[in-house]
Each structure stands twice: as C-alpha cells, then as structure tokens.
C-alpha cells in the first residue's frame, strides 16, 4: 500500500539520479504554482527519489518549497517473485 505525505525537501536523497540536464524548469514551475503539484514525486520509505526529478527541482530550485508531496512506494511490494 502506498502512502502520500508531505516530506521536507532537505530529507530527500536524489544522489542516485544520473540525469544531468533537467531542461527548462520555469514552465513546469509556473504550472505547479498555478495548478498545484498534480502528481506527487515518488520515493522509497527511506526517502530515496524514484521518480519526479524535474518536479522536485522545479519545486525546490524555482519555487523555493521546503516540503513536497511524495508517494512512498515499497519496491519489494511490486517486485516479481
């Protein structure tokens, strides 16, 4: 079962991401500012980012948020047996 919660941005681990260029974040940040974060970023229970690096960067770097809505995904629950 996943959980959606607010997490302090400072507590997130994005070190495992290899994407070097996130592109222009201004349009994305503008959309998030106007409409809200429609799709939470996805993290593991230990706060490691799985998906949503551009949304994370737009919220952190452009909008200056200190917390972000996250969906906590337990990877072992979706891993094939």
Protein backbone atom coordinates (compact mmCIF):
# COMPACT_ATOMS: atom_id res chain seq x y z
CA UNK A 1 0.00 0.00 0.00
CA UNK A 2 1.41 3.39 -0.86
CA UNK A 3 1.23 6.41 1.32
CA UNK A 4 1.13 10.03 0.18
CA UNK A 5 2.69 12.53 2.58
CA UNK A 6 4.49 15.85 2.82
CA UNK A 7 8.24 15.39 3.21
CA UNK A 8 10.86 18.06 3.92
CA UNK A 9 12.85 18.57 0.73
CA UNK A 10 16.08 18.55 2.76
CA UNK A 11 15.33 14.94 3.81
CA UNK A 12 15.21 13.59 0.23
CA UNK A 13 18.08 11.65 -1.33
CA UNK A 14 18.43 12.38 -5.05
CA UNK A 15 22.05 11.25 -5.31
CA UNK A 16 21.25 8.13 -7.34
CA UNK A 17 19.87 10.04 -10.32
CA UNK A 18 22.01 10.17 -13.41
CA UNK A 19 20.03 12.72 -15.38
CA UNK A 20 22.34 15.69 -15.91
CA UNK A 21 20.03 18.07 -17.77
CA UNK A 22 16.52 18.69 -16.49
CA UNK A 23 15.71 21.24 -19.18
CA UNK A 24 13.78 24.45 -18.67
CA UNK A 25 12.06 24.26 -15.31
CA UNK A 26 10.35 27.66 -15.47
CA UNK A 27 7.28 26.46 -17.40
CA UNK A 28 6.91 23.44 -15.13
CA UNK A 29 7.30 25.60 -12.02
CA UNK A 30 4.69 28.03 -13.38
CA UNK A 31 2.25 25.17 -13.94
CA UNK A 32 2.86 23.79 -10.43
CA UNK A 33 2.45 27.28 -8.98
CA UNK A 34 -0.88 27.79 -10.77
CA UNK A 35 -2.38 24.29 -10.51
CA UNK A 36 -0.52 22.67 -7.63
CA UNK A 37 1.56 19.52 -7.77
CA UNK A 38 -0.87 17.25 -9.62
CA UNK A 39 1.37 14.17 -9.43
CA UNK A 40 3.45 13.69 -6.28
CA UNK A 41 7.07 12.66 -6.69
CA UNK A 42 7.78 9.01 -5.87
CA UNK A 43 10.20 7.98 -3.12
CA UNK A 44 11.18 4.84 -1.23
CA UNK A 45 10.44 4.51 2.51
CA UNK A 46 14.00 5.74 3.21
CA UNK A 47 13.32 8.94 1.18
CA UNK A 48 15.29 7.99 -1.95
CA UNK A 49 13.84 9.59 -5.08
CA UNK A 50 12.50 7.09 -7.61
CA UNK A 51 10.58 9.37 -9.99
CA UNK A 52 9.95 13.07 -10.37
CA UNK A 53 13.36 14.72 -10.52
CA UNK A 54 12.10 17.61 -12.69
CA UNK A 55 9.13 18.21 -10.37
CA UNK A 56 11.45 18.05 -7.36
CA UNK A 57 13.88 20.55 -8.92
CA UNK A 58 11.10 22.92 -10.03
CA UNK A 59 9.62 22.95 -6.53
CA UNK A 60 12.96 23.22 -4.75
CA UNK A 61 15.06 25.41 -7.04
CA UNK A 62 12.50 27.61 -8.75
CA UNK A 63 9.58 27.83 -6.31
CA UNK A 64 11.64 27.60 -3.12
CA UNK A 65 9.44 24.99 -1.43
CA UNK A 66 10.73 23.41 1.76
CA UNK A 67 8.29 20.46 1.67
CA UNK A 68 6.94 18.42 -1.22
CA UNK A 69 4.13 15.92 -1.63
CA UNK A 70 5.53 12.40 -2.05
CA UNK A 71 4.10 8.99 -2.81
CA UNK A 72 6.03 6.42 -0.78
CA UNK A 73 6.45 3.23 -2.79
CA UNK A 74 7.63 -0.03 -1.27
CA UNK A 75 9.60 -1.51 -4.17
CA UNK A 76 9.54 -5.01 -2.73
CA UNK A 77 5.74 -4.98 -2.96
CA UNK A 78 5.89 -4.63 -6.77
CA UNK A 79 8.94 -6.80 -7.45
CA UNK A 80 8.03 -10.05 -9.21
CA UNK A 81 8.57 -13.19 -7.15
